[in-house]
C-alpha atoms as a PDB file:
ATOM      1  CA  MET A   1      27.287  27.327   3.953  1.00  0.00           C
ATOM      2  CA  LYS A   2      24.859  29.168   6.174  1.00  0.00           C
ATOM      3  CA  VAL A   3      21.140  28.449   6.029  1.00  0.00           C
ATOM      4  CA  SER A   4      18.675  30.751   7.725  1.00  0.00           C
ATOM      5  CA  LYS A   5      16.762  29.565  10.755  1.00  0.00           C
ATOM      6  CA  MET A   6      13.427  30.000   8.986  1.00  0.00           C
ATOM      7  CA  VAL A   7      14.480  27.617   6.201  1.00  0.00           C
ATOM      8  CA  LEU A   8      15.653  25.028   8.725  1.00  0.00           C
ATOM      9  CA  LYS A   9      12.389  25.336  10.659  1.00  0.00           C
ATOM     10  CA  ALA A  10      10.366  24.946   7.465  1.00  0.00           C
ATOM     11  CA  MET A  11      12.329  21.828   6.509  1.00  0.00           C
ATOM     12  CA  ALA A  12      11.864  20.320   9.974  1.00  0.00           C
ATOM     13  CA  LEU A  13       8.145  21.058   9.842  1.00  0.00           C
ATOM     14  CA  ALA A  14       7.827  19.421   6.412  1.00  0.00           C
ATOM     15  CA  VAL A  15       9.589  16.274   7.613  1.00  0.00           C
ATOM     16  CA  THR A  16       7.405  16.118  10.722  1.00  0.00           C
ATOM     17  CA  VAL A  17       4.155  16.578   8.805  1.00  0.00           C
ATOM     18  CA  SER A  18       5.052  13.979   6.178  1.00  0.00           C
ATOM     19  CA  THR A  19       6.069  11.469   8.867  1.00  0.00           C
ATOM     20  CA  VAL A  20       2.875  11.959  10.848  1.00  0.00           C
ATOM     21  CA  THR A  21       0.613  11.624   7.806  1.00  0.00           C
ATOM     22  CA  ALA A  22       2.463   8.481   6.685  1.00  0.00           C
ATOM     23  CA  CYS A  23       1.968   6.888  10.108  1.00  0.00           C
ATOM     24  CA  ILE A  24      -1.710   7.811  10.324  1.00  0.00           C
ATOM     25  CA  ASN A  25      -2.561   6.226   6.945  1.00  0.00           C
ATOM     26  CA  ASP A  26      -1.052   2.859   7.908  1.00  0.00           C
ATOM     27  CA  LYS A  27      -3.560   0.082   7.262  1.00  0.00           C
ATOM     28  CA  VAL A  28      -3.391  -3.271   9.001  1.00  0.00           C
ATOM     29  CA  ILE A  29      -4.032  -6.185   6.680  1.00  0.00           C
ATOM     30  CA  LYS A  30      -6.094  -8.865   8.383  1.00  0.00           C
ATOM     31  CA  PRO A  31      -5.853 -12.464   7.216  1.00  0.00           C
ATOM     32  CA  LYS A  32      -8.949 -13.948   5.604  1.00  0.00           C
ATOM     33  CA  SER A  33     -10.829 -16.338   7.807  1.00  0.00           C
ATOM     34  CA  GLY A  34     -12.773 -19.377   6.728  1.00  0.00           C
ATOM     35  CA  GLU A  35     -12.307 -21.767   3.855  1.00  0.00           C
ATOM     36  CA  PRO A  36      -9.779 -21.092   1.109  1.00  0.00           C
ATOM     37  CA  GLU A  37     -11.145 -19.599  -2.062  1.00  0.00           C
ATOM     38  CA  VAL A  38     -12.018 -22.166  -4.732  1.00  0.00           C
ATOM     39  CA  LYS A  39     -10.964 -21.159  -8.217  1.00  0.00           C
ATOM     40  CA  LYS A  40     -13.356 -21.920 -11.053  1.00  0.00           C
ATOM     41  CA  VAL A  41     -11.885 -23.929 -13.901  1.00  0.00           C
ATOM     42  CA  PRO A  42     -13.360 -23.262 -17.341  1.00  0.00           C
ATOM     43  CA  TYR A  43     -15.325 -26.196 -18.757  1.00  0.00           C
ATOM     44  CA  ASP A  44     -13.627 -26.165 -22.130  1.00  0.00           C
ATOM     45  CA  CYS A  45      -9.942 -25.778 -22.830  1.00  0.00           C
ATOM     46  CA  PRO A  46      -9.451 -22.223 -24.072  1.00  0.00           C
ATOM     47  CA  GLY A  47      -6.716 -23.377 -26.449  1.00  0.00           C
ATOM     48  CA  CYS A  48      -8.441 -26.181 -28.328  1.00  0.00           C
ATOM     49  CA  GLY A  49     -12.046 -26.148 -27.019  1.00  0.00           C
ATOM     50  CA  MET A  50     -12.068 -29.912 -26.385  1.00  0.00           C
ATOM     51  CA  GLY A  51     -12.155 -29.840 -22.587  1.00  0.00           C
END
């Protein structure tokens, strides 16, 4: 099966562009510093309301 050179070039360009844009949008996740987050506990039990 023969594929024209223009189609091959277009496919190579598409792969290159998608790879470059995927690498540029990479975000580095930084760990949170400081004390751990304290979760608030509801005063009353949501099931029975007796605490």
